[in-house]
Each structure stands twice: as structure tokens, then as C-alpha cells.
Amino acid sequence: MIHDGWVDPAVGIGTLFSRSPVSGLVKLAPGNFQAAGAFHMIATAPRKPIMPKVRRSQCAAVPFRVAEKGAQVMLVTSRDTRRWIVPKGWTKKKLAPGAMAAREAFEEAGVLGTITALPIGAYRYLKRMPDGDNVRCDVAVYLLEVTEVLDEWPEMDQRERRWVGVGDAADLISDPGLVPLLRKLP
């Protein structure tokens, strides 16, 4: 039972999102309340479950070049949230994952080059789909040594691209699972 914002510990369950360090308020989703003693709860609008329905595979390219100041990585912004990411996309049966990663680098970043035969690593993340569902993605990451930067490319009006040092790339990137792989680069 909810009384003036306080929750009876015997009522409801939900997923803990955050706790304010100042007020101790607890924010929950998807619209239920956690039985957790005398915490003041903030209800959120009902949302789709956080747990993904399926697992999908993606491949990513880390476009790089060696400049006078050391190795640089090209980052691009995501289309919707404008976060800094590396080019990546869904795997396709007709294309090897490395070739698909190179194709994504061309489409999203406008770069061409030589892709590694094997991935340098992998990471996992939850992708929010347009319908609100979450999909667990396993991403194989390949290095792409850039030999050509194009002035025009398929997604040039949808994304921003930027060359940054490897350390800066690790700080800017929004996929936490990718950070350790970037930090291993020279």
C-alpha cells in the first residue's frame, strides 16, 4: 500500500534504478514499488522490461591511422542520441563479419582500408530498439587501418565523424565494453 509517497514493505516489486545520495529517494521502474523498508519512492511511467528478448550479433570496426602524434581512432556519432561510437552493424549471413565491419566503416564514417582477419576482442551491450524493446548484442570488434578518407559517404548527413587520440577515444566512447579494447591499442 502506498501512503503519501511511502511504501508498505509488503507491497510490490520493481527494478532499482537509482538512489539519491542526498535525499535517499529511490527511483524504480517499470512502474512498481520495491519492498525495501521505509524509503520514499518515486514512481516512473510503465516501461518495457529491461531484460532483452533475444540476443543478436553485431560487428564493429575501429578505424585507425598512425599520425605524427601517435595512433588516432575515428569515432562517429550515433544517429539518434549523438553519442560517440565506432561504426558497427548487424551481421549478415552473406558477408564475413570482418567484411561487414569494413562495410559499416564505409557507410557510417566514410573510410576505406584494410580490416584485420580476426577480431581484436568482443563486448556485450543492450541496444534500445525503436519499439522500446531491448536487444542484447554481442559485438565482435575488428581493426581497420584507414587508407582513404572519403569526402562523401552514405551516412554523411546523419552522423558526425572525428579523429581522436586513442586515450581520448576511450574517454569519449559511450560503449563501456569497448573501452578496455581501445586502451590496449598503442
N, C-alpha and C. Protein backbone atom coordinates (compact mmCIF):
# COMPACT_ATOMS: atom_id res chain seq x y z
N MET A 1 0.84 -1.17 0.00
CA MET A 1 0.00 0.00 0.00
C MET A 1 0.89 1.24 0.00
N ILE A 2 0.51 2.26 -0.76
CA ILE A 2 1.27 3.50 -0.84
C ILE A 2 0.50 4.57 -0.06
N HIS A 3 1.17 5.21 0.90
CA HIS A 3 0.55 6.26 1.71
C HIS A 3 1.42 7.49 1.62
N ASP A 4 0.89 8.54 1.00
CA ASP A 4 1.61 9.81 0.92
C ASP A 4 3.06 9.61 0.44
N GLY A 5 3.22 8.76 -0.56
CA GLY A 5 4.54 8.54 -1.14
C GLY A 5 5.38 7.49 -0.45
N TRP A 6 4.94 6.98 0.71
CA TRP A 6 5.70 5.94 1.39
C TRP A 6 5.12 4.58 1.04
N VAL A 7 5.96 3.59 0.97
CA VAL A 7 5.53 2.27 0.53
C VAL A 7 5.51 1.31 1.71
N ASP A 8 4.40 0.58 1.81
CA ASP A 8 4.32 -0.52 2.77
C ASP A 8 5.31 -1.59 2.30
N PRO A 9 6.23 -2.06 3.11
CA PRO A 9 7.24 -3.03 2.66
C PRO A 9 6.66 -4.31 2.10
N ALA A 10 5.39 -4.59 2.33
CA ALA A 10 4.81 -5.83 1.83
C ALA A 10 4.27 -5.68 0.42
N VAL A 11 4.39 -4.52 -0.18
CA VAL A 11 3.74 -4.28 -1.48
C VAL A 11 4.77 -4.20 -2.60
N GLY A 12 4.50 -4.90 -3.69
CA GLY A 12 5.15 -4.70 -4.98
C GLY A 12 6.63 -4.97 -5.07
N ILE A 13 7.05 -5.13 -6.29
CA ILE A 13 8.46 -5.27 -6.60
C ILE A 13 8.74 -4.45 -7.84
N GLY A 14 9.97 -4.10 -8.04
CA GLY A 14 10.36 -3.35 -9.22
C GLY A 14 11.85 -3.45 -9.39
N THR A 15 12.38 -2.74 -10.34
CA THR A 15 13.81 -2.75 -10.60
C THR A 15 14.40 -1.45 -10.07
N LEU A 16 15.38 -1.52 -9.19
CA LEU A 16 16.01 -0.34 -8.63
C LEU A 16 16.82 0.36 -9.72
N PHE A 17 16.54 1.62 -9.95
CA PHE A 17 17.28 2.39 -10.95
C PHE A 17 18.36 3.24 -10.31
N SER A 18 17.97 4.05 -9.31
CA SER A 18 18.98 4.88 -8.67
C SER A 18 18.50 5.33 -7.31
N ARG A 19 19.45 5.69 -6.48
CA ARG A 19 19.15 6.21 -5.15
C ARG A 19 19.88 7.53 -5.03
N SER A 20 19.17 8.57 -4.66
CA SER A 20 19.77 9.88 -4.48
C SER A 20 20.68 9.86 -3.26
N PRO A 21 21.95 10.26 -3.40
CA PRO A 21 22.85 10.28 -2.25
C PRO A 21 22.47 11.36 -1.25
N VAL A 22 21.73 12.37 -1.69
CA VAL A 22 21.35 13.48 -0.81
C VAL A 22 20.09 13.15 -0.03
N SER A 23 19.01 12.79 -0.76
CA SER A 23 17.72 12.59 -0.10
C SER A 23 17.42 11.14 0.25
N GLY A 24 18.14 10.20 -0.37
CA GLY A 24 17.86 8.79 -0.15
C GLY A 24 16.66 8.30 -0.93
N LEU A 25 16.10 9.15 -1.80
CA LEU A 25 14.97 8.74 -2.61
C LEU A 25 15.39 7.64 -3.57
N VAL A 26 14.49 6.73 -3.86
CA VAL A 26 14.78 5.61 -4.74
C VAL A 26 13.88 5.70 -5.95
N LYS A 27 14.46 5.61 -7.14
CA LYS A 27 13.69 5.65 -8.38
C LYS A 27 13.60 4.24 -8.93
N LEU A 28 12.41 3.81 -9.27
CA LEU A 28 12.19 2.45 -9.72
C LEU A 28 11.52 2.41 -11.08
N ALA A 29 11.56 1.27 -11.71
CA ALA A 29 10.82 1.02 -12.94
C ALA A 29 10.54 -0.47 -12.95
N PRO A 30 9.61 -0.99 -13.61
CA PRO A 30 8.68 -0.36 -14.53
C PRO A 30 7.34 0.00 -13.90
N GLY A 31 7.32 0.96 -13.05
CA GLY A 31 6.08 1.47 -12.51
C GLY A 31 5.60 0.78 -11.25
N ASN A 32 6.36 -0.13 -10.69
CA ASN A 32 6.01 -0.78 -9.43
C ASN A 32 6.89 -0.21 -8.33
N PHE A 33 6.69 -0.70 -7.11
CA PHE A 33 7.48 -0.22 -5.99
C PHE A 33 8.20 -1.37 -5.34
N GLN A 34 9.44 -1.15 -4.96
CA GLN A 34 10.27 -2.17 -4.32
C GLN A 34 9.92 -2.28 -2.84
N ALA A 35 9.78 -3.49 -2.36
CA ALA A 35 9.59 -3.70 -0.93
C ALA A 35 10.95 -3.60 -0.28
N ALA A 36 11.27 -2.43 0.28
CA ALA A 36 12.62 -2.23 0.80
C ALA A 36 12.61 -1.36 2.05
N GLY A 37 11.66 -1.55 2.92
CA GLY A 37 11.65 -0.77 4.13
C GLY A 37 11.09 0.61 3.90
N ALA A 38 11.50 1.57 4.71
CA ALA A 38 10.90 2.89 4.68
C ALA A 38 11.65 3.84 3.76
N PHE A 39 11.62 3.59 2.48
CA PHE A 39 12.20 4.50 1.50
C PHE A 39 11.07 5.27 0.85
N HIS A 40 11.30 6.51 0.55
CA HIS A 40 10.33 7.29 -0.20
C HIS A 40 10.53 6.92 -1.67
N MET A 41 9.49 6.51 -2.36
CA MET A 41 9.60 6.00 -3.71
C MET A 41 9.12 7.03 -4.73
N ILE A 42 9.76 7.05 -5.87
CA ILE A 42 9.32 7.87 -6.99
C ILE A 42 8.85 6.90 -8.07
N ALA A 43 7.59 6.95 -8.38
CA ALA A 43 7.05 6.06 -9.42
C ALA A 43 7.46 6.60 -10.78
N THR A 44 7.77 5.71 -11.69
CA THR A 44 8.07 6.11 -13.06
C THR A 44 6.99 5.55 -13.95
N ALA A 45 6.87 6.11 -15.12
CA ALA A 45 5.86 5.62 -16.07
C ALA A 45 6.20 4.18 -16.43
N PRO A 46 5.20 3.33 -16.61
CA PRO A 46 5.48 1.95 -17.00
C PRO A 46 6.30 1.92 -18.29
N ARG A 47 7.32 1.06 -18.32
CA ARG A 47 8.19 0.92 -19.49
C ARG A 47 8.28 -0.53 -19.86
N LYS A 48 8.85 -0.75 -21.02
CA LYS A 48 9.09 -2.13 -21.44
C LYS A 48 10.14 -2.73 -20.50
N PRO A 49 10.12 -4.04 -20.31
CA PRO A 49 11.10 -4.67 -19.42
C PRO A 49 12.53 -4.40 -19.87
N ILE A 50 13.43 -4.34 -18.91
CA ILE A 50 14.84 -4.10 -19.21
C ILE A 50 15.48 -5.35 -19.79
N MET A 51 15.04 -6.51 -19.38
CA MET A 51 15.65 -7.74 -19.87
C MET A 51 15.37 -7.91 -21.35
N PRO A 52 16.39 -8.19 -22.13
CA PRO A 52 16.20 -8.34 -23.57
C PRO A 52 15.45 -9.61 -23.92
N LYS A 53 14.76 -9.53 -25.05
CA LYS A 53 14.02 -10.70 -25.53
C LYS A 53 14.94 -11.68 -26.25
N VAL A 54 15.87 -11.15 -27.02
CA VAL A 54 16.73 -12.01 -27.85
C VAL A 54 18.17 -11.50 -27.77
N ARG A 55 19.08 -12.30 -28.31
CA ARG A 55 20.47 -11.91 -28.43
C ARG A 55 20.80 -11.84 -29.92
N ARG A 56 21.46 -10.76 -30.32
CA ARG A 56 21.83 -10.59 -31.72
C ARG A 56 23.33 -10.32 -31.82
N SER A 57 23.87 -10.57 -33.00
CA SER A 57 25.30 -10.37 -33.23
C SER A 57 25.53 -9.13 -34.08
N GLN A 58 26.55 -8.39 -33.70
CA GLN A 58 26.98 -7.22 -34.47
C GLN A 58 28.49 -7.32 -34.67
N CYS A 59 28.97 -6.55 -35.63
CA CYS A 59 30.41 -6.43 -35.84
C CYS A 59 30.74 -4.94 -35.92
N ALA A 60 31.88 -4.60 -35.35
CA ALA A 60 32.31 -3.21 -35.29
C ALA A 60 33.70 -3.06 -35.88
N ALA A 61 33.95 -1.89 -36.43
CA ALA A 61 35.28 -1.56 -36.93
C ALA A 61 35.83 -0.41 -36.09
N VAL A 62 37.09 -0.51 -35.73
CA VAL A 62 37.78 0.60 -35.08
C VAL A 62 38.73 1.16 -36.15
N PRO A 63 38.27 2.20 -36.87
CA PRO A 63 39.14 2.80 -37.89
C PRO A 63 40.30 3.52 -37.21
N PHE A 64 41.53 3.26 -37.67
CA PHE A 64 42.69 3.91 -37.05
C PHE A 64 43.69 4.32 -38.12
N ARG A 65 44.53 5.27 -37.73
CA ARG A 65 45.67 5.69 -38.55
C ARG A 65 46.79 6.07 -37.60
N VAL A 66 48.01 6.03 -38.12
CA VAL A 66 49.16 6.45 -37.33
C VAL A 66 49.55 7.83 -37.83
N ALA A 67 49.45 8.81 -36.95
CA ALA A 67 49.79 10.20 -37.27
C ALA A 67 51.09 10.57 -36.56
N GLU A 68 51.53 11.80 -36.76
CA GLU A 68 52.78 12.26 -36.12
C GLU A 68 52.71 12.16 -34.60
N LYS A 69 51.54 12.41 -34.03
CA LYS A 69 51.38 12.40 -32.58
C LYS A 69 51.00 11.03 -32.04
N GLY A 70 51.00 10.01 -32.89
CA GLY A 70 50.65 8.66 -32.45
C GLY A 70 49.38 8.17 -33.13
N ALA A 71 48.90 7.04 -32.67
CA ALA A 71 47.71 6.43 -33.27
C ALA A 71 46.46 7.26 -32.98
N GLN A 72 45.59 7.33 -33.97
CA GLN A 72 44.31 8.00 -33.84
C GLN A 72 43.20 7.06 -34.27
N VAL A 73 42.04 7.23 -33.66
CA VAL A 73 40.86 6.43 -33.96
C VAL A 73 39.78 7.37 -34.47
N MET A 74 39.04 6.92 -35.47
CA MET A 74 37.92 7.72 -35.93
C MET A 74 36.65 7.27 -35.22
N LEU A 75 35.99 8.22 -34.55
CA LEU A 75 34.71 7.96 -33.92
C LEU A 75 33.61 8.62 -34.74
N VAL A 76 32.41 8.08 -34.63
CA VAL A 76 31.24 8.67 -35.27
C VAL A 76 30.16 8.82 -34.20
N THR A 77 29.19 9.68 -34.48
CA THR A 77 28.07 9.81 -33.55
C THR A 77 26.97 8.84 -33.94
N SER A 78 26.24 8.39 -32.93
CA SER A 78 25.07 7.56 -33.22
C SER A 78 24.00 8.46 -33.84
N ARG A 79 23.11 7.88 -34.60
CA ARG A 79 22.10 8.69 -35.29
C ARG A 79 21.12 9.36 -34.34
N ASP A 80 20.64 8.62 -33.35
CA ASP A 80 19.57 9.14 -32.51
C ASP A 80 20.07 9.97 -31.32
N THR A 81 20.99 9.41 -30.55
CA THR A 81 21.40 10.07 -29.31
C THR A 81 22.66 10.91 -29.46
N ARG A 82 23.33 10.81 -30.59
CA ARG A 82 24.55 11.58 -30.88
C ARG A 82 25.71 11.24 -29.93
N ARG A 83 25.69 10.02 -29.38
CA ARG A 83 26.80 9.54 -28.55
C ARG A 83 27.96 9.17 -29.47
N TRP A 84 29.18 9.21 -28.94
CA TRP A 84 30.35 8.80 -29.71
C TRP A 84 30.47 7.29 -29.68
N ILE A 85 30.57 6.70 -30.86
CA ILE A 85 30.66 5.25 -31.01
C ILE A 85 31.66 4.94 -32.12
N VAL A 86 31.94 3.66 -32.33
CA VAL A 86 32.66 3.23 -33.52
C VAL A 86 31.63 2.65 -34.48
N PRO A 87 31.92 2.64 -35.78
CA PRO A 87 30.97 2.07 -36.73
C PRO A 87 30.68 0.60 -36.42
N LYS A 88 29.41 0.25 -36.40
CA LYS A 88 29.03 -1.15 -36.17
C LYS A 88 27.66 -1.40 -36.76
N GLY A 89 27.38 -2.68 -36.99
CA GLY A 89 26.08 -3.05 -37.55
C GLY A 89 25.81 -4.52 -37.36
N TRP A 90 24.60 -4.92 -37.75
CA TRP A 90 24.17 -6.31 -37.63
C TRP A 90 24.96 -7.19 -38.57
N THR A 91 25.30 -8.39 -38.12
CA THR A 91 25.97 -9.34 -39.00
C THR A 91 24.98 -9.84 -40.05
N LYS A 92 25.51 -10.24 -41.19
CA LYS A 92 24.68 -10.78 -42.26
C LYS A 92 25.27 -12.11 -42.70
N LYS A 93 24.41 -13.05 -43.04
CA LYS A 93 24.87 -14.39 -43.41
C LYS A 93 25.74 -14.38 -44.66
N LYS A 94 25.47 -13.47 -45.58
CA LYS A 94 26.19 -13.47 -46.86
C LYS A 94 27.54 -12.77 -46.81
N LEU A 95 27.88 -12.16 -45.67
CA LEU A 95 29.13 -11.41 -45.56
C LEU A 95 29.88 -11.83 -44.30
N ALA A 96 31.18 -12.05 -44.44
CA ALA A 96 32.00 -12.38 -43.28
C ALA A 96 31.97 -11.21 -42.30
N PRO A 97 32.06 -11.48 -40.99
CA PRO A 97 31.97 -10.39 -40.01
C PRO A 97 32.98 -9.27 -40.22
N GLY A 98 34.21 -9.61 -40.55
CA GLY A 98 35.21 -8.57 -40.79
C GLY A 98 34.85 -7.71 -41.99
N ALA A 99 34.38 -8.34 -43.05
CA ALA A 99 33.96 -7.59 -44.23
C ALA A 99 32.76 -6.70 -43.91
N MET A 100 31.86 -7.20 -43.05
CA MET A 100 30.71 -6.41 -42.65
C MET A 100 31.15 -5.20 -41.82
N ALA A 101 32.14 -5.40 -40.94
CA ALA A 101 32.67 -4.29 -40.15
C ALA A 101 33.28 -3.22 -41.06
N ALA A 102 34.02 -3.65 -42.08
CA ALA A 102 34.60 -2.70 -43.03
C ALA A 102 33.50 -1.95 -43.79
N ARG A 103 32.45 -2.64 -44.14
CA ARG A 103 31.32 -2.01 -44.83
C ARG A 103 30.65 -0.95 -43.95
N GLU A 104 30.48 -1.27 -42.66
CA GLU A 104 29.90 -0.31 -41.73
C GLU A 104 30.80 0.93 -41.60
N ALA A 105 32.12 0.74 -41.59
CA ALA A 105 33.04 1.87 -41.51
C ALA A 105 32.89 2.77 -42.74
N PHE A 106 32.69 2.16 -43.90
CA PHE A 106 32.46 2.94 -45.12
C PHE A 106 31.15 3.71 -45.03
N GLU A 107 30.06 3.02 -44.65
CA GLU A 107 28.74 3.65 -44.63
C GLU A 107 28.62 4.72 -43.56
N GLU A 108 29.13 4.45 -42.35
CA GLU A 108 28.93 5.36 -41.22
C GLU A 108 30.01 6.42 -41.09
N ALA A 109 31.27 6.09 -41.45
CA ALA A 109 32.38 7.02 -41.24
C ALA A 109 33.04 7.50 -42.53
N GLY A 110 32.73 6.87 -43.65
CA GLY A 110 33.33 7.30 -44.91
C GLY A 110 34.81 7.01 -45.00
N VAL A 111 35.22 5.84 -44.50
CA VAL A 111 36.62 5.45 -44.58
C VAL A 111 36.74 4.08 -45.24
N LEU A 112 37.87 3.90 -45.93
CA LEU A 112 38.21 2.63 -46.55
C LEU A 112 39.57 2.20 -46.01
N GLY A 113 39.83 0.90 -46.02
CA GLY A 113 41.12 0.45 -45.53
C GLY A 113 41.21 -1.05 -45.45
N THR A 114 42.19 -1.51 -44.68
CA THR A 114 42.47 -2.93 -44.52
C THR A 114 41.96 -3.38 -43.15
N ILE A 115 41.09 -4.39 -43.17
CA ILE A 115 40.49 -4.90 -41.93
C ILE A 115 41.28 -6.11 -41.42
N THR A 116 41.38 -6.27 -40.12
CA THR A 116 42.06 -7.44 -39.57
C THR A 116 41.25 -8.70 -39.87
N ALA A 117 41.93 -9.82 -40.02
CA ALA A 117 41.25 -11.08 -40.32
C ALA A 117 40.46 -11.59 -39.13
N LEU A 118 40.99 -11.35 -37.94
CA LEU A 118 40.34 -11.81 -36.71
C LEU A 118 39.98 -10.62 -35.85
N PRO A 119 38.92 -10.74 -35.05
CA PRO A 119 38.58 -9.63 -34.15
C PRO A 119 39.65 -9.44 -33.08
N ILE A 120 39.78 -8.20 -32.62
CA ILE A 120 40.73 -7.90 -31.53
C ILE A 120 40.09 -8.15 -30.18
N GLY A 121 38.80 -8.40 -30.18
CA GLY A 121 38.07 -8.64 -28.94
C GLY A 121 36.58 -8.56 -29.19
N ALA A 122 35.82 -8.59 -28.11
CA ALA A 122 34.37 -8.53 -28.21
C ALA A 122 33.82 -7.90 -26.93
N TYR A 123 32.60 -7.40 -27.02
CA TYR A 123 31.91 -6.90 -25.84
C TYR A 123 30.42 -7.09 -26.04
N ARG A 124 29.67 -6.84 -24.98
CA ARG A 124 28.22 -7.05 -24.98
C ARG A 124 27.54 -5.78 -24.46
N TYR A 125 26.40 -5.44 -25.04
CA TYR A 125 25.64 -4.30 -24.55
C TYR A 125 24.16 -4.49 -24.87
N LEU A 126 23.32 -3.67 -24.24
CA LEU A 126 21.89 -3.67 -24.52
C LEU A 126 21.57 -2.53 -25.47
N LYS A 127 20.93 -2.86 -26.58
CA LYS A 127 20.54 -1.86 -27.56
C LYS A 127 19.04 -1.60 -27.43
N ARG A 128 18.68 -0.35 -27.29
CA ARG A 128 17.27 0.04 -27.23
C ARG A 128 16.78 0.16 -28.67
N MET A 129 15.75 -0.61 -29.01
CA MET A 129 15.19 -0.62 -30.35
C MET A 129 14.12 0.48 -30.47
N PRO A 130 13.77 0.87 -31.71
CA PRO A 130 12.76 1.92 -31.89
C PRO A 130 11.42 1.62 -31.22
N ASP A 131 11.06 0.34 -31.09
CA ASP A 131 9.78 0.00 -30.45
C ASP A 131 9.88 -0.03 -28.93
N GLY A 132 11.06 0.30 -28.38
CA GLY A 132 11.24 0.32 -26.94
C GLY A 132 11.80 -0.97 -26.36
N ASP A 133 11.82 -2.04 -27.14
CA ASP A 133 12.39 -3.30 -26.66
C ASP A 133 13.90 -3.17 -26.53
N ASN A 134 14.49 -3.99 -25.68
CA ASN A 134 15.94 -4.08 -25.54
C ASN A 134 16.41 -5.37 -26.18
N VAL A 135 17.52 -5.29 -26.89
CA VAL A 135 18.12 -6.45 -27.52
C VAL A 135 19.55 -6.56 -27.01
N ARG A 136 19.93 -7.75 -26.52
CA ARG A 136 21.30 -7.98 -26.09
C ARG A 136 22.15 -8.20 -27.34
N CYS A 137 23.21 -7.43 -27.47
CA CYS A 137 24.08 -7.52 -28.64
C CYS A 137 25.47 -7.99 -28.24
N ASP A 138 25.96 -9.00 -28.95
CA ASP A 138 27.33 -9.45 -28.83
C ASP A 138 28.08 -8.85 -30.02
N VAL A 139 29.11 -8.05 -29.73
CA VAL A 139 29.81 -7.31 -30.77
C VAL A 139 31.24 -7.81 -30.92
N ALA A 140 31.59 -8.26 -32.13
CA ALA A 140 32.97 -8.62 -32.46
C ALA A 140 33.63 -7.36 -33.02
N VAL A 141 34.82 -7.02 -32.52
CA VAL A 141 35.48 -5.77 -32.87
C VAL A 141 36.73 -6.05 -33.71
N TYR A 142 36.79 -5.38 -34.86
CA TYR A 142 37.91 -5.52 -35.80
C TYR A 142 38.63 -4.18 -35.94
N LEU A 143 39.94 -4.24 -36.19
CA LEU A 143 40.70 -3.03 -36.50
C LEU A 143 40.67 -2.79 -38.00
N LEU A 144 40.50 -1.54 -38.39
CA LEU A 144 40.52 -1.16 -39.80
C LEU A 144 41.59 -0.10 -39.98
N GLU A 145 42.70 -0.46 -40.63
CA GLU A 145 43.74 0.52 -40.92
C GLU A 145 43.27 1.35 -42.10
N VAL A 146 43.03 2.63 -41.86
CA VAL A 146 42.43 3.51 -42.86
C VAL A 146 43.46 3.89 -43.92
N THR A 147 43.08 3.68 -45.17
CA THR A 147 43.93 4.07 -46.30
C THR A 147 43.33 5.24 -47.08
N GLU A 148 42.03 5.47 -46.89
CA GLU A 148 41.37 6.56 -47.62
C GLU A 148 40.20 7.10 -46.80
N VAL A 149 40.15 8.44 -46.72
CA VAL A 149 39.03 9.12 -46.07
C VAL A 149 38.24 9.82 -47.16
N LEU A 150 36.97 9.44 -47.30
CA LEU A 150 36.13 9.96 -48.37
C LEU A 150 35.50 11.29 -47.99
N ASP A 151 35.30 12.15 -48.99
CA ASP A 151 34.62 13.42 -48.77
C ASP A 151 33.10 13.24 -48.72
N GLU A 152 32.61 12.21 -49.38
CA GLU A 152 31.18 11.90 -49.38
C GLU A 152 31.00 10.42 -49.08
N TRP A 153 29.97 10.10 -48.27
CA TRP A 153 29.69 8.71 -47.92
C TRP A 153 28.22 8.58 -47.58
N PRO A 154 27.69 7.36 -47.55
CA PRO A 154 26.24 7.16 -47.41
C PRO A 154 25.57 7.86 -46.23
N GLU A 155 26.17 7.88 -45.05
CA GLU A 155 25.50 8.43 -43.88
C GLU A 155 26.08 9.77 -43.43
N MET A 156 26.69 10.50 -44.36
CA MET A 156 27.35 11.76 -44.00
C MET A 156 26.40 12.82 -43.45
N ASP A 157 25.13 12.77 -43.83
CA ASP A 157 24.16 13.75 -43.34
C ASP A 157 23.53 13.32 -42.00
N GLN A 158 23.85 12.11 -41.55
CA GLN A 158 23.23 11.58 -40.33
C GLN A 158 24.18 11.49 -39.15
N ARG A 159 25.48 11.62 -39.42
CA ARG A 159 26.49 11.42 -38.37
C ARG A 159 27.60 12.46 -38.46
N GLU A 160 28.27 12.65 -37.34
CA GLU A 160 29.47 13.45 -37.29
C GLU A 160 30.63 12.47 -37.14
N ARG A 161 31.79 12.78 -37.68
CA ARG A 161 32.96 11.92 -37.50
C ARG A 161 34.12 12.76 -37.00
N ARG A 162 35.05 12.10 -36.27
CA ARG A 162 36.17 12.85 -35.70
C ARG A 162 37.34 11.92 -35.43
N TRP A 163 38.55 12.36 -35.82
CA TRP A 163 39.77 11.66 -35.47
C TRP A 163 40.17 12.10 -34.07
N VAL A 164 40.47 11.15 -33.19
CA VAL A 164 40.92 11.46 -31.83
C VAL A 164 42.03 10.49 -31.44
N GLY A 165 42.83 10.91 -30.49
CA GLY A 165 43.86 10.02 -29.96
C GLY A 165 43.21 8.83 -29.28
N VAL A 166 43.97 7.74 -29.13
CA VAL A 166 43.43 6.52 -28.55
C VAL A 166 42.91 6.75 -27.13
N GLY A 167 43.67 7.48 -26.31
CA GLY A 167 43.23 7.76 -24.95
C GLY A 167 41.95 8.58 -24.92
N ASP A 168 41.86 9.59 -25.79
CA ASP A 168 40.65 10.40 -25.88
C ASP A 168 39.47 9.57 -26.35
N ALA A 169 39.72 8.66 -27.29
CA ALA A 169 38.64 7.79 -27.79
C ALA A 169 38.07 6.96 -26.65
N ALA A 170 38.94 6.42 -25.81
CA ALA A 170 38.48 5.60 -24.68
C ALA A 170 37.66 6.44 -23.70
N ASP A 171 38.00 7.73 -23.57
CA ASP A 171 37.24 8.60 -22.67
C ASP A 171 35.91 9.03 -23.27
N LEU A 172 35.86 9.20 -24.59
CA LEU A 172 34.65 9.70 -25.26
C LEU A 172 33.62 8.61 -25.58
N ILE A 173 34.10 7.41 -25.79
CA ILE A 173 33.23 6.34 -26.29
C ILE A 173 32.12 6.03 -25.29
N SER A 174 30.93 5.76 -25.80
CA SER A 174 29.79 5.53 -24.90
C SER A 174 29.54 4.06 -24.61
N ASP A 175 30.21 3.15 -25.30
CA ASP A 175 30.04 1.71 -25.05
C ASP A 175 31.11 1.27 -24.05
N PRO A 176 30.76 1.10 -22.76
CA PRO A 176 31.78 0.77 -21.76
C PRO A 176 32.55 -0.50 -22.05
N GLY A 177 31.94 -1.47 -22.71
CA GLY A 177 32.63 -2.71 -23.03
C GLY A 177 33.74 -2.55 -24.05
N LEU A 178 33.68 -1.46 -24.81
CA LEU A 178 34.69 -1.19 -25.83
C LEU A 178 35.93 -0.51 -25.26
N VAL A 179 35.79 0.17 -24.13
CA VAL A 179 36.89 0.94 -23.55
C VAL A 179 38.14 0.10 -23.31
N PRO A 180 38.06 -1.09 -22.68
CA PRO A 180 39.30 -1.87 -22.48
C PRO A 180 39.99 -2.24 -23.78
N LEU A 181 39.22 -2.49 -24.83
CA LEU A 181 39.83 -2.82 -26.13
C LEU A 181 40.57 -1.62 -26.69
N LEU A 182 40.00 -0.44 -26.56
CA LEU A 182 40.67 0.78 -27.06
C LEU A 182 41.93 1.07 -26.26
N ARG A 183 41.89 0.83 -24.97
CA ARG A 183 43.05 1.12 -24.11
C ARG A 183 44.24 0.20 -24.42
N LYS A 184 43.99 -0.94 -25.07
CA LYS A 184 45.07 -1.85 -25.45
C LYS A 184 45.81 -1.38 -26.70
N LEU A 185 45.20 -0.46 -27.46
CA LEU A 185 45.84 0.00 -28.70
C LEU A 185 47.07 0.83 -28.37
N PRO A 186 48.09 0.80 -29.25
CA PRO A 186 49.33 1.57 -28.98
C PRO A 186 49.12 3.06 -29.08
